[in-house]
């Protein structure tokens, strides 16, 4: 796994890391080779990470392996919550073209802190 951002929900991150490990063990999935460099970007030849929260929700919704481990109810809840957040961002003050953090993002972040 890669190191998460400072805004990560640590419980969710740990659950997903453990779910990935369980899925790998249960399915006897061979892990990719260790990347010796700084993988904060993307190692050459790796799949691209979703570039938006809505694309991440789409990816999770179609990920049967992770859904089987985390549970359909949790995945459904998370996916719909992120879609709602994306809708609110785009209709209630967020700015996808902004080059700095928007007031909407600050307000939303401080709701969680």
PDB file of N, CA and C in Angstrom:
ATOM      1  N   UNK A   1       0.843  -1.187   0.000  1.00  0.00           N
ATOM      2  CA  UNK A   1       0.000   0.000   0.000  1.00  0.00           C
ATOM      3  C   UNK A   1       0.878   1.236   0.000  1.00  0.00           C
ATOM      4  N   UNK A   2       0.293   2.324  -0.397  1.00  0.00           N
ATOM      5  CA  UNK A   2       1.059   3.569  -0.348  1.00  0.00           C
ATOM      6  C   UNK A   2       0.648   4.350   0.891  1.00  0.00           C
ATOM      7  N   UNK A   3       1.470   5.263   1.324  1.00  0.00           N
ATOM      8  CA  UNK A   3       1.187   6.063   2.503  1.00  0.00           C
ATOM      9  C   UNK A   3       0.029   7.006   2.180  1.00  0.00           C
ATOM     10  N   UNK A   4      -0.920   7.053   3.079  1.00  0.00           N
ATOM     11  CA  UNK A   4      -2.105   7.899   2.874  1.00  0.00           C
ATOM     12  C   UNK A   4      -1.808   9.359   3.201  1.00  0.00           C
ATOM     13  N   UNK A   5      -2.711  10.230   2.768  1.00  0.00           N
ATOM     14  CA  UNK A   5      -2.591  11.652   3.063  1.00  0.00           C
ATOM     15  C   UNK A   5      -2.960  11.946   4.511  1.00  0.00           C
ATOM     16  N   UNK A   6      -2.676  13.152   4.956  1.00  0.00           N
ATOM     17  CA  UNK A   6      -2.944  13.552   6.335  1.00  0.00           C
ATOM     18  C   UNK A   6      -4.436  13.598   6.646  1.00  0.00           C
ATOM     19  N   UNK A   7      -5.261  13.687   5.617  1.00  0.00           N
ATOM     20  CA  UNK A   7      -6.702  13.777   5.827  1.00  0.00           C
ATOM     21  C   UNK A   7      -7.395  12.421   5.837  1.00  0.00           C
ATOM     22  N   UNK A   8      -6.630  11.340   5.868  1.00  0.00           N
ATOM     23  CA  UNK A   8      -7.203  10.001   5.809  1.00  0.00           C
ATOM     24  C   UNK A   8      -7.988   9.682   7.086  1.00  0.00           C
ATOM     25  N   UNK A   9      -9.036   8.910   6.935  1.00  0.00           N
ATOM     26  CA  UNK A   9      -9.719   8.326   8.077  1.00  0.00           C
ATOM     27  C   UNK A   9      -8.885   7.104   8.451  1.00  0.00           C
ATOM     28  N   UNK A  10      -8.180   7.166   9.579  1.00  0.00           N
ATOM     29  CA  UNK A  10      -7.225   6.106   9.916  1.00  0.00           C
ATOM     30  C   UNK A  10      -7.906   4.749  10.098  1.00  0.00           C
ATOM     31  N   UNK A  11      -9.131   4.738  10.581  1.00  0.00           N
ATOM     32  CA  UNK A  11      -9.848   3.474  10.765  1.00  0.00           C
ATOM     33  C   UNK A  11     -10.194   2.847   9.419  1.00  0.00           C
ATOM     34  N   UNK A  12     -10.621   3.679   8.495  1.00  0.00           N
ATOM     35  CA  UNK A  12     -10.954   3.193   7.162  1.00  0.00           C
ATOM     36  C   UNK A  12      -9.692   2.726   6.434  1.00  0.00           C
ATOM     37  N   UNK A  13      -8.614   3.494   6.546  1.00  0.00           N
ATOM     38  CA  UNK A  13      -7.363   3.107   5.891  1.00  0.00           C
ATOM     39  C   UNK A  13      -6.869   1.765   6.418  1.00  0.00           C
ATOM     40  N   UNK A  14      -6.893   1.596   7.731  1.00  0.00           N
ATOM     41  CA  UNK A  14      -6.444   0.337   8.314  1.00  0.00           C
ATOM     42  C   UNK A  14      -7.356  -0.816   7.892  1.00  0.00           C
ATOM     43  N   UNK A  15      -8.658  -0.569   7.848  1.00  0.00           N
ATOM     44  CA  UNK A  15      -9.600  -1.609   7.421  1.00  0.00           C
ATOM     45  C   UNK A  15      -9.324  -2.042   5.983  1.00  0.00           C
ATOM     46  N   UNK A  16      -9.028  -1.093   5.115  1.00  0.00           N
ATOM     47  CA  UNK A  16      -8.771  -1.421   3.713  1.00  0.00           C
ATOM     48  C   UNK A  16      -7.429  -2.138   3.556  1.00  0.00           C
ATOM     49  N   UNK A  17      -6.420  -1.729   4.309  1.00  0.00           N
ATOM     50  CA  UNK A  17      -5.121  -2.421   4.254  1.00  0.00           C
ATOM     51  C   UNK A  17      -5.296  -3.872   4.707  1.00  0.00           C
ATOM     52  N   UNK A  18      -5.995  -4.066   5.824  1.00  0.00           N
ATOM     53  CA  UNK A  18      -6.245  -5.427   6.309  1.00  0.00           C
ATOM     54  C   UNK A  18      -7.108  -6.224   5.331  1.00  0.00           C
ATOM     55  N   UNK A  19      -8.119  -5.562   4.740  1.00  0.00           N
ATOM     56  CA  UNK A  19      -8.975  -6.241   3.758  1.00  0.00           C
ATOM     57  C   UNK A  19      -8.156  -6.697   2.562  1.00  0.00           C
ATOM     58  N   UNK A  20      -7.235  -5.863   2.109  1.00  0.00           N
ATOM     59  CA  UNK A  20      -6.373  -6.248   0.996  1.00  0.00           C
ATOM     60  C   UNK A  20      -5.511  -7.447   1.347  1.00  0.00           C
ATOM     61  N   UNK A  21      -4.975  -7.458   2.569  1.00  0.00           N
ATOM     62  CA  UNK A  21      -4.180  -8.590   3.011  1.00  0.00           C
ATOM     63  C   UNK A  21      -5.007  -9.863   3.092  1.00  0.00           C
ATOM     64  N   UNK A  22      -6.204  -9.761   3.664  1.00  0.00           N
ATOM     65  CA  UNK A  22      -7.089 -10.927   3.752  1.00  0.00           C
ATOM     66  C   UNK A  22      -7.482 -11.442   2.371  1.00  0.00           C
ATOM     67  N   UNK A  23      -7.814 -10.513   1.473  1.00  0.00           N
ATOM     68  CA  UNK A  23      -8.190 -10.923   0.111  1.00  0.00           C
ATOM     69  C   UNK A  23      -7.020 -11.620  -0.571  1.00  0.00           C
ATOM     70  N   UNK A  24      -5.810 -11.117  -0.355  1.00  0.00           N
ATOM     71  CA  UNK A  24      -4.630 -11.735  -0.943  1.00  0.00           C
ATOM     72  C   UNK A  24      -4.374 -13.124  -0.394  1.00  0.00           C
ATOM     73  N   UNK A  25      -4.549 -13.285   0.911  1.00  0.00           N
ATOM     74  CA  UNK A  25      -4.357 -14.598   1.526  1.00  0.00           C
ATOM     75  C   UNK A  25      -5.444 -15.578   1.084  1.00  0.00           C
ATOM     76  N   UNK A  26      -6.695 -15.129   1.157  1.00  0.00           N
ATOM     77  CA  UNK A  26      -7.814 -16.010   0.782  1.00  0.00           C
ATOM     78  C   UNK A  26      -7.748 -16.430  -0.677  1.00  0.00           C
ATOM     79  N   UNK A  27      -7.343 -15.517  -1.541  1.00  0.00           N
ATOM     80  CA  UNK A  27      -7.300 -15.800  -2.976  1.00  0.00           C
ATOM     81  C   UNK A  27      -5.937 -16.237  -3.469  1.00  0.00           C
ATOM     82  N   UNK A  28      -4.982 -16.387  -2.548  1.00  0.00           N
ATOM     83  CA  UNK A  28      -3.612 -16.755  -2.912  1.00  0.00           C
ATOM     84  C   UNK A  28      -3.076 -15.860  -4.032  1.00  0.00           C
ATOM     85  N   UNK A  29      -3.303 -14.550  -3.883  1.00  0.00           N
ATOM     86  CA  UNK A  29      -2.867 -13.573  -4.880  1.00  0.00           C
ATOM     87  C   UNK A  29      -1.392 -13.259  -4.653  1.00  0.00           C
ATOM     88  N   UNK A  30      -0.602 -13.380  -5.685  1.00  0.00           N
ATOM     89  CA  UNK A  30       0.824 -13.076  -5.607  1.00  0.00           C
ATOM     90  C   UNK A  30       1.000 -11.555  -5.642  1.00  0.00           C
ATOM     91  N   UNK A  31       1.642 -10.961  -4.618  1.00  0.00           N
ATOM     92  CA  UNK A  31       1.824  -9.506  -4.634  1.00  0.00           C
ATOM     93  C   UNK A  31       2.809  -9.091  -5.718  1.00  0.00           C
ATOM     94  N   UNK A  32       2.688  -7.852  -6.180  1.00  0.00           N
ATOM     95  CA  UNK A  32       3.661  -7.370  -7.173  1.00  0.00           C
ATOM     96  C   UNK A  32       5.022  -7.217  -6.503  1.00  0.00           C
ATOM     97  N   UNK A  33       6.070  -7.097  -7.287  1.00  0.00           N
ATOM     98  CA  UNK A  33       7.393  -6.916  -6.686  1.00  0.00           C
ATOM     99  C   UNK A  33       7.466  -5.591  -5.930  1.00  0.00           C
ATOM    100  N   UNK A  34       8.297  -5.568  -4.902  1.00  0.00           N
ATOM    101  CA  UNK A  34       8.500  -4.357  -4.121  1.00  0.00           C
ATOM    102  C   UNK A  34       9.079  -3.275  -5.020  1.00  0.00           C
ATOM    103  N   UNK A  35       8.604  -2.050  -4.856  1.00  0.00           N
ATOM    104  CA  UNK A  35       9.138  -0.928  -5.623  1.00  0.00           C
ATOM    105  C   UNK A  35      10.229  -0.267  -4.792  1.00  0.00           C
ATOM    106  N   UNK A  36      11.478  -0.272  -5.268  1.00  0.00           N
ATOM    107  CA  UNK A  36      12.602   0.204  -4.443  1.00  0.00           C
ATOM    108  C   UNK A  36      12.696   1.725  -4.329  1.00  0.00           C
ATOM    109  N   UNK A  37      12.035   2.461  -5.199  1.00  0.00           N
ATOM    110  CA  UNK A  37      12.136   3.918  -5.176  1.00  0.00           C
ATOM    111  C   UNK A  37      11.062   4.550  -4.322  1.00  0.00           C
ATOM    112  N   UNK A  38      10.924   5.846  -4.457  1.00  0.00           N
ATOM    113  CA  UNK A  38       9.863   6.576  -3.770  1.00  0.00           C
ATOM    114  C   UNK A  38       8.585   6.400  -4.579  1.00  0.00           C
ATOM    115  N   UNK A  39       7.640   5.691  -4.037  1.00  0.00           N
ATOM    116  CA  UNK A  39       6.407   5.400  -4.770  1.00  0.00           C
ATOM    117  C   UNK A  39       5.297   6.386  -4.429  1.00  0.00           C
ATOM    118  N   UNK A  40       5.658   7.597  -4.020  1.00  0.00           N
ATOM    119  CA  UNK A  40       4.627   8.579  -3.712  1.00  0.00           C
ATOM    120  C   UNK A  40       3.907   9.014  -4.985  1.00  0.00           C
ATOM    121  N   UNK A  41       4.557   8.858  -6.112  1.00  0.00           N
ATOM    122  CA  UNK A  41       3.902   9.057  -7.395  1.00  0.00           C
ATOM    123  C   UNK A  41       3.381   7.706  -7.829  1.00  0.00           C
ATOM    124  N   UNK A  42       3.771   7.261  -8.984  1.00  0.00           N
ATOM    125  CA  UNK A  42       3.341   5.950  -9.449  1.00  0.00           C
ATOM    126  C   UNK A  42       4.504   5.216 -10.075  1.00  0.00           C
ATOM    127  N   UNK A  43       4.796   4.023  -9.576  1.00  0.00           N
ATOM    128  CA  UNK A  43       5.860   3.247 -10.204  1.00  0.00           C
ATOM    129  C   UNK A  43       5.531   2.996 -11.673  1.00  0.00           C
ATOM    130  N   UNK A  44       6.528   2.967 -12.532  1.00  0.00           N
ATOM    131  CA  UNK A  44       6.282   2.719 -13.955  1.00  0.00           C
ATOM    132  C   UNK A  44       5.506   1.422 -14.169  1.00  0.00           C
ATOM    133  N   UNK A  45       4.517   1.490 -15.041  1.00  0.00           N
ATOM    134  CA  UNK A  45       3.736   0.306 -15.383  1.00  0.00           C
ATOM    135  C   UNK A  45       2.601   0.000 -14.422  1.00  0.00           C
ATOM    136  N   UNK A  46       2.440   0.783 -13.375  1.00  0.00           N
ATOM    137  CA  UNK A  46       1.352   0.518 -12.428  1.00  0.00           C
ATOM    138  C   UNK A  46       0.049   1.135 -12.932  1.00  0.00           C
ATOM    139  N   UNK A  47      -1.053   0.578 -12.430  1.00  0.00           N
ATOM    140  CA  UNK A  47      -2.365   1.124 -12.801  1.00  0.00           C
ATOM    141  C   UNK A  47      -2.503   2.519 -12.195  1.00  0.00           C
ATOM    142  N   UNK A  48      -3.151   3.390 -12.919  1.00  0.00           N
ATOM    143  CA  UNK A  48      -3.355   4.758 -12.417  1.00  0.00           C
ATOM    144  C   UNK A  48      -4.394   4.764 -11.310  1.00  0.00           C
ATOM    145  N   UNK A  49      -4.141   5.569 -10.297  1.00  0.00           N
ATOM    146  CA  UNK A  49      -5.117   5.746  -9.226  1.00  0.00           C
ATOM    147  C   UNK A  49      -6.231   6.659  -9.726  1.00  0.00           C
ATOM    148  N   UNK A  50      -7.445   6.523  -9.187  1.00  0.00           N
ATOM    149  CA  UNK A  50      -8.527   7.427  -9.588  1.00  0.00           C
ATOM    150  C   UNK A  50      -8.133   8.877  -9.324  1.00  0.00           C
ATOM    151  N   UNK A  51      -8.497   9.754 -10.233  1.00  0.00           N
ATOM    152  CA  UNK A  51      -8.088  11.158 -10.118  1.00  0.00           C
ATOM    153  C   UNK A  51      -9.140  12.041  -9.463  1.00  0.00           C
ATOM    154  N   UNK A  52     -10.276  11.482  -9.081  1.00  0.00           N
ATOM    155  CA  UNK A  52     -11.307  12.255  -8.387  1.00  0.00           C
ATOM    156  C   UNK A  52     -12.048  11.336  -7.426  1.00  0.00           C
ATOM    157  N   UNK A  53     -12.779  11.944  -6.526  1.00  0.00           N
ATOM    158  CA  UNK A  53     -13.525  11.151  -5.553  1.00  0.00           C
ATOM    159  C   UNK A  53     -14.633  10.344  -6.237  1.00  0.00           C
ATOM    160  N   UNK A  54     -15.205  10.888  -7.306  1.00  0.00           N
ATOM    161  CA  UNK A  54     -16.255  10.136  -8.003  1.00  0.00           C
ATOM    162  C   UNK A  54     -15.671   8.936  -8.745  1.00  0.00           C
ATOM    163  N   UNK A  55     -14.476   9.076  -9.317  1.00  0.00           N
ATOM    164  CA  UNK A  55     -13.826   7.939  -9.970  1.00  0.00           C
ATOM    165  C   UNK A  55     -13.399   6.887  -8.944  1.00  0.00           C
ATOM    166  N   UNK A  56     -12.982   7.337  -7.759  1.00  0.00           N
ATOM    167  CA  UNK A  56     -12.631   6.399  -6.695  1.00  0.00           C
ATOM    168  C   UNK A  56     -13.874   5.625  -6.247  1.00  0.00           C
ATOM    169  N   UNK A  57     -15.004   6.312  -6.142  1.00  0.00           N
ATOM    170  CA  UNK A  57     -16.257   5.635  -5.777  1.00  0.00           C
ATOM    171  C   UNK A  57     -16.644   4.608  -6.840  1.00  0.00           C
ATOM    172  N   UNK A  58     -16.497   4.978  -8.105  1.00  0.00           N
ATOM    173  CA  UNK A  58     -16.789   4.031  -9.197  1.00  0.00           C
ATOM    174  C   UNK A  58     -15.894   2.798  -9.113  1.00  0.00           C
ATOM    175  N   UNK A  59     -14.604   3.027  -8.829  1.00  0.00           N
ATOM    176  CA  UNK A  59     -13.653   1.912  -8.749  1.00  0.00           C
ATOM    177  C   UNK A  59     -14.007   0.980  -7.594  1.00  0.00           C
ATOM    178  N   UNK A  60     -14.356   1.550  -6.448  1.00  0.00           N
ATOM    179  CA  UNK A  60     -14.727   0.710  -5.313  1.00  0.00           C
ATOM    180  C   UNK A  60     -16.016  -0.053  -5.590  1.00  0.00           C
ATOM    181  N   UNK A  61     -16.961   0.614  -6.197  1.00  0.00           N
ATOM    182  CA  UNK A  61     -18.256  -0.028  -6.473  1.00  0.00           C
ATOM    183  C   UNK A  61     -18.100  -1.270  -7.358  1.00  0.00           C
ATOM    184  N   UNK A  62     -17.111  -1.272  -8.222  1.00  0.00           N
ATOM    185  CA  UNK A  62     -16.912  -2.408  -9.130  1.00  0.00           C
ATOM    186  C   UNK A  62     -15.860  -3.397  -8.621  1.00  0.00           C
ATOM    187  N   UNK A  63     -15.279  -3.133  -7.445  1.00  0.00           N
ATOM    188  CA  UNK A  63     -14.233  -4.002  -6.900  1.00  0.00           C
ATOM    189  C   UNK A  63     -14.858  -5.121  -6.064  1.00  0.00           C
ATOM    190  N   UNK A  64     -15.071  -6.256  -6.679  1.00  0.00           N
ATOM    191  CA  UNK A  64     -15.722  -7.377  -6.001  1.00  0.00           C
ATOM    192  C   UNK A  64     -14.882  -7.899  -4.847  1.00  0.00           C
ATOM    193  N   UNK A  65     -13.582  -7.974  -5.035  1.00  0.00           N
ATOM    194  CA  UNK A  65     -12.698  -8.492  -3.988  1.00  0.00           C
ATOM    195  C   UNK A  65     -12.814  -7.689  -2.698  1.00  0.00           C
ATOM    196  N   UNK A  66     -12.684  -6.378  -2.807  1.00  0.00           N
ATOM    197  CA  UNK A  66     -12.749  -5.518  -1.627  1.00  0.00           C
ATOM    198  C   UNK A  66     -14.157  -5.491  -1.044  1.00  0.00           C
ATOM    199  N   UNK A  67     -15.170  -5.503  -1.898  1.00  0.00           N
ATOM    200  CA  UNK A  67     -16.548  -5.529  -1.424  1.00  0.00           C
ATOM    201  C   UNK A  67     -16.839  -6.799  -0.638  1.00  0.00           C
ATOM    202  N   UNK A  68     -16.314  -7.920  -1.098  1.00  0.00           N
ATOM    203  CA  UNK A  68     -16.513  -9.181  -0.380  1.00  0.00           C
ATOM    204  C   UNK A  68     -15.927  -9.127   1.021  1.00  0.00           C
ATOM    205  N   UNK A  69     -14.785  -8.461   1.191  1.00  0.00           N
ATOM    206  CA  UNK A  69     -14.128  -8.406   2.502  1.00  0.00           C
ATOM    207  C   UNK A  69     -14.758  -7.333   3.390  1.00  0.00           C
ATOM    208  N   UNK A  70     -15.008  -6.145   2.839  1.00  0.00           N
ATOM    209  CA  UNK A  70     -15.551  -5.043   3.643  1.00  0.00           C
ATOM    210  C   UNK A  70     -17.053  -5.170   3.876  1.00  0.00           C
ATOM    211  N   UNK A  71     -17.722  -5.837   2.979  1.00  0.00           N
ATOM    212  CA  UNK A  71     -19.170  -5.988   3.097  1.00  0.00           C
ATOM    213  C   UNK A  71     -19.902  -5.035   2.176  1.00  0.00           C
ATOM    214  N   UNK A  72     -20.967  -5.555   1.580  1.00  0.00           N
ATOM    215  CA  UNK A  72     -21.732  -4.761   0.621  1.00  0.00           C
ATOM    216  C   UNK A  72     -22.354  -3.521   1.251  1.00  0.00           C
ATOM    217  N   UNK A  73     -22.846  -3.647   2.486  1.00  0.00           N
ATOM    218  CA  UNK A  73     -23.499  -2.506   3.141  1.00  0.00           C
ATOM    219  C   UNK A  73     -22.520  -1.359   3.343  1.00  0.00           C
ATOM    220  N   UNK A  74     -21.297  -1.671   3.786  1.00  0.00           N
ATOM    221  CA  UNK A  74     -20.298  -0.626   3.994  1.00  0.00           C
ATOM    222  C   UNK A  74     -19.921   0.037   2.685  1.00  0.00           C
ATOM    223  N   UNK A  75     -19.639  -0.768   1.664  1.00  0.00           N
ATOM    224  CA  UNK A  75     -19.231  -0.223   0.369  1.00  0.00           C
ATOM    225  C   UNK A  75     -20.331   0.653  -0.207  1.00  0.00           C
ATOM    226  N   UNK A  76     -21.573   0.207  -0.128  1.00  0.00           N
ATOM    227  CA  UNK A  76     -22.707   0.986  -0.628  1.00  0.00           C
ATOM    228  C   UNK A  76     -22.806   2.322   0.114  1.00  0.00           C
ATOM    229  N   UNK A  77     -22.649   2.289   1.432  1.00  0.00           N
ATOM    230  CA  UNK A  77     -22.705   3.506   2.245  1.00  0.00           C
ATOM    231  C   UNK A  77     -21.587   4.471   1.844  1.00  0.00           C
ATOM    232  N   UNK A  78     -20.356   3.953   1.719  1.00  0.00           N
ATOM    233  CA  UNK A  78     -19.229   4.811   1.386  1.00  0.00           C
ATOM    234  C   UNK A  78     -19.380   5.408  -0.010  1.00  0.00           C
ATOM    235  N   UNK A  79     -19.743   4.576  -0.983  1.00  0.00           N
ATOM    236  CA  UNK A  79     -19.877   5.044  -2.373  1.00  0.00           C
ATOM    237  C   UNK A  79     -20.924   6.149  -2.463  1.00  0.00           C
ATOM    238  N   UNK A  80     -22.085   5.935  -1.853  1.00  0.00           N
ATOM    239  CA  UNK A  80     -23.134   6.959  -1.931  1.00  0.00           C
ATOM    240  C   UNK A  80     -22.739   8.226  -1.171  1.00  0.00           C
ATOM    241  N   UNK A  81     -22.015   8.081  -0.072  1.00  0.00           N
ATOM    242  CA  UNK A  81     -21.540   9.250   0.666  1.00  0.00           C
ATOM    243  C   UNK A  81     -20.558  10.079  -0.135  1.00  0.00           C
ATOM    244  N   UNK A  82     -19.640   9.428  -0.863  1.00  0.00           N
ATOM    245  CA  UNK A  82     -18.668  10.164  -1.668  1.00  0.00           C
ATOM    246  C   UNK A  82     -19.346  10.826  -2.862  1.00  0.00           C
ATOM    247  N   UNK A  83     -20.338  10.171  -3.435  1.00  0.00           N
ATOM    248  CA  UNK A  83     -21.060  10.802  -4.555  1.00  0.00           C
ATOM    249  C   UNK A  83     -21.811  12.038  -4.072  1.00  0.00           C
ATOM    250  N   UNK A  84     -22.380  11.941  -2.874  1.00  0.00           N
ATOM    251  CA  UNK A  84     -23.053  13.105  -2.303  1.00  0.00           C
ATOM    252  C   UNK A  84     -22.037  14.220  -2.073  1.00  0.00           C
ATOM    253  N   UNK A  85     -20.866  13.872  -1.538  1.00  0.00           N
ATOM    254  CA  UNK A  85     -19.834  14.881  -1.286  1.00  0.00           C
ATOM    255  C   UNK A  85     -19.388  15.558  -2.582  1.00  0.00           C
ATOM    256  N   UNK A  86     -19.215  14.794  -3.646  1.00  0.00           N
ATOM    257  CA  UNK A  86     -18.824  15.358  -4.937  1.00  0.00           C
ATOM    258  C   UNK A  86     -19.911  16.304  -5.455  1.00  0.00           C
ATOM    259  N   UNK A  87     -21.173  15.906  -5.289  1.00  0.00           N
ATOM    260  CA  UNK A  87     -22.293  16.765  -5.709  1.00  0.00           C
ATOM    261  C   UNK A  87     -22.281  18.068  -4.907  1.00  0.00           C
ATOM    262  N   UNK A  88     -22.096  17.967  -3.600  1.00  0.00           N
ATOM    263  CA  UNK A  88     -22.063  19.172  -2.758  1.00  0.00           C
ATOM    264  C   UNK A  88     -20.881  20.064  -3.127  1.00  0.00           C
ATOM    265  N   UNK A  89     -19.726  19.467  -3.375  1.00  0.00           N
ATOM    266  CA  UNK A  89     -18.558  20.248  -3.767  1.00  0.00           C
ATOM    267  C   UNK A  89     -18.866  21.070  -5.017  1.00  0.00           C
ATOM    268  N   UNK A  90     -19.503  20.431  -5.983  1.00  0.00           N
ATOM    269  CA  UNK A  90     -19.755  21.090  -7.261  1.00  0.00           C
ATOM    270  C   UNK A  90     -20.966  22.004  -7.271  1.00  0.00           C
ATOM    271  N   UNK A  91     -21.800  21.946  -6.252  1.00  0.00           N
ATOM    272  CA  UNK A  91     -23.002  22.784  -6.243  1.00  0.00           C
ATOM    273  C   UNK A  91     -23.063  23.747  -5.059  1.00  0.00           C
ATOM    274  N   UNK A  92     -22.154  23.595  -4.088  1.00  0.00           N
ATOM    275  CA  UNK A  92     -22.264  24.408  -2.881  1.00  0.00           C
ATOM    276  C   UNK A  92     -21.002  25.183  -2.553  1.00  0.00           C
ATOM    277  N   UNK A  93     -20.165  25.469  -3.546  1.00  0.00           N
ATOM    278  CA  UNK A  93     -19.043  26.356  -3.287  1.00  0.00           C
ATOM    279  C   UNK A  93     -17.665  25.829  -3.597  1.00  0.00           C
ATOM    280  N   UNK A  94     -17.545  24.563  -3.934  1.00  0.00           N
ATOM    281  CA  UNK A  94     -16.233  24.038  -4.306  1.00  0.00           C
ATOM    282  C   UNK A  94     -15.838  24.537  -5.686  1.00  0.00           C
ATOM    283  N   UNK A  95     -14.574  24.477  -5.982  1.00  0.00           N
ATOM    284  CA  UNK A  95     -14.086  24.936  -7.278  1.00  0.00           C
ATOM    285  C   UNK A  95     -13.030  23.961  -7.779  1.00  0.00           C
ATOM    286  N   UNK A  96     -13.412  23.126  -8.742  1.00  0.00           N
ATOM    287  CA  UNK A  96     -12.503  22.109  -9.271  1.00  0.00           C
ATOM    288  C   UNK A  96     -11.304  22.722  -9.991  1.00  0.00           C
ATOM    289  N   UNK A  97     -11.391  23.978 -10.394  1.00  0.00           N
ATOM    290  CA  UNK A  97     -10.296  24.650 -11.098  1.00  0.00           C
ATOM    291  C   UNK A  97      -9.404  25.454 -10.150  1.00  0.00           C
ATOM    292  N   UNK A  98      -9.734  25.480  -8.864  1.00  0.00           N
ATOM    293  CA  UNK A  98      -8.969  26.286  -7.905  1.00  0.00           C
ATOM    294  C   UNK A  98      -7.544  25.761  -7.788  1.00  0.00           C
ATOM    295  N   UNK A  99      -6.628  26.671  -7.558  1.00  0.00           N
ATOM    296  CA  UNK A  99      -5.224  26.275  -7.377  1.00  0.00           C
ATOM    297  C   UNK A  99      -4.847  26.250  -5.900  1.00  0.00           C
ATOM    298  N   UNK A 100      -5.794  26.547  -5.041  1.00  0.00           N
ATOM    299  CA  UNK A 100      -5.576  26.446  -3.596  1.00  0.00           C
ATOM    300  C   UNK A 100      -6.862  25.908  -2.966  1.00  0.00           C
ATOM    301  N   UNK A 101      -6.782  25.620  -1.708  1.00  0.00           N
ATOM    302  CA  UNK A 101      -7.925  25.062  -0.988  1.00  0.00           C
ATOM    303  C   UNK A 101      -9.050  26.099  -0.950  1.00  0.00           C
ATOM    304  N   UNK A 102     -10.263  25.645  -1.233  1.00  0.00           N
ATOM    305  CA  UNK A 102     -11.411  26.557  -1.243  1.00  0.00           C
ATOM    306  C   UNK A 102     -12.026  26.661   0.147  1.00  0.00           C
ATOM    307  N   UNK A 103     -12.819  27.676   0.350  1.00  0.00           N
ATOM    308  CA  UNK A 103     -13.530  27.864   1.618  1.00  0.00           C
ATOM    309  C   UNK A 103     -14.433  26.660   1.901  1.00  0.00           C
ATOM    310  N   UNK A 104     -15.057  26.119   0.863  1.00  0.00           N
ATOM    311  CA  UNK A 104     -15.911  24.938   1.035  1.00  0.00           C
ATOM    312  C   UNK A 104     -15.108  23.760   1.585  1.00  0.00           C
ATOM    313  N   UNK A 105     -13.916  23.550   1.040  1.00  0.00           N
ATOM    314  CA  UNK A 105     -13.074  22.444   1.502  1.00  0.00           C
ATOM    315  C   UNK A 105     -12.628  22.650   2.945  1.00  0.00           C
ATOM    316  N   UNK A 106     -12.277  23.870   3.314  1.00  0.00           N
ATOM    317  CA  UNK A 106     -11.898  24.147   4.697  1.00  0.00           C
ATOM    318  C   UNK A 106     -13.059  23.866   5.640  1.00  0.00           C
ATOM    319  N   UNK A 107     -14.232  24.356   5.293  1.00  0.00           N
ATOM    320  CA  UNK A 107     -15.412  24.119   6.123  1.00  0.00           C
ATOM    321  C   UNK A 107     -15.700  22.628   6.243  1.00  0.00           C
ATOM    322  N   UNK A 108     -15.618  21.912   5.140  1.00  0.00           N
ATOM    323  CA  UNK A 108     -15.895  20.470   5.126  1.00  0.00           C
ATOM    324  C   UNK A 108     -14.857  19.714   5.949  1.00  0.00           C
ATOM    325  N   UNK A 109     -13.604  20.069   5.814  1.00  0.00           N
ATOM    326  CA  UNK A 109     -12.540  19.408   6.565  1.00  0.00           C
ATOM    327  C   UNK A 109     -12.720  19.635   8.069  1.00  0.00           C
ATOM    328  N   UNK A 110     -13.036  20.870   8.462  1.00  0.00           N
ATOM    329  CA  UNK A 110     -13.167  21.168   9.880  1.00  0.00           C
ATOM    330  C   UNK A 110     -14.412  20.542  10.498  1.00  0.00           C
ATOM    331  N   UNK A 111     -15.367  20.083   9.668  1.00  0.00           N
ATOM    332  CA  UNK A 111     -16.495  19.322  10.197  1.00  0.00           C
ATOM    333  C   UNK A 111     -16.006  18.030  10.821  1.00  0.00           C
ATOM    334  N   UNK A 112     -14.945  17.440  10.262  1.00  0.00           N
ATOM    335  CA  UNK A 112     -14.440  16.162  10.720  1.00  0.00           C
ATOM    336  C   UNK A 112     -13.472  16.270  11.879  1.00  0.00           C
ATOM    337  N   UNK A 113     -12.893  17.449  12.066  1.00  0.00           N
ATOM    338  CA  UNK A 113     -11.843  17.603  13.093  1.00  0.00           C
ATOM    339  C   UNK A 113     -12.434  17.956  14.431  1.00  0.00           C
TER     340      UNK A 113
END
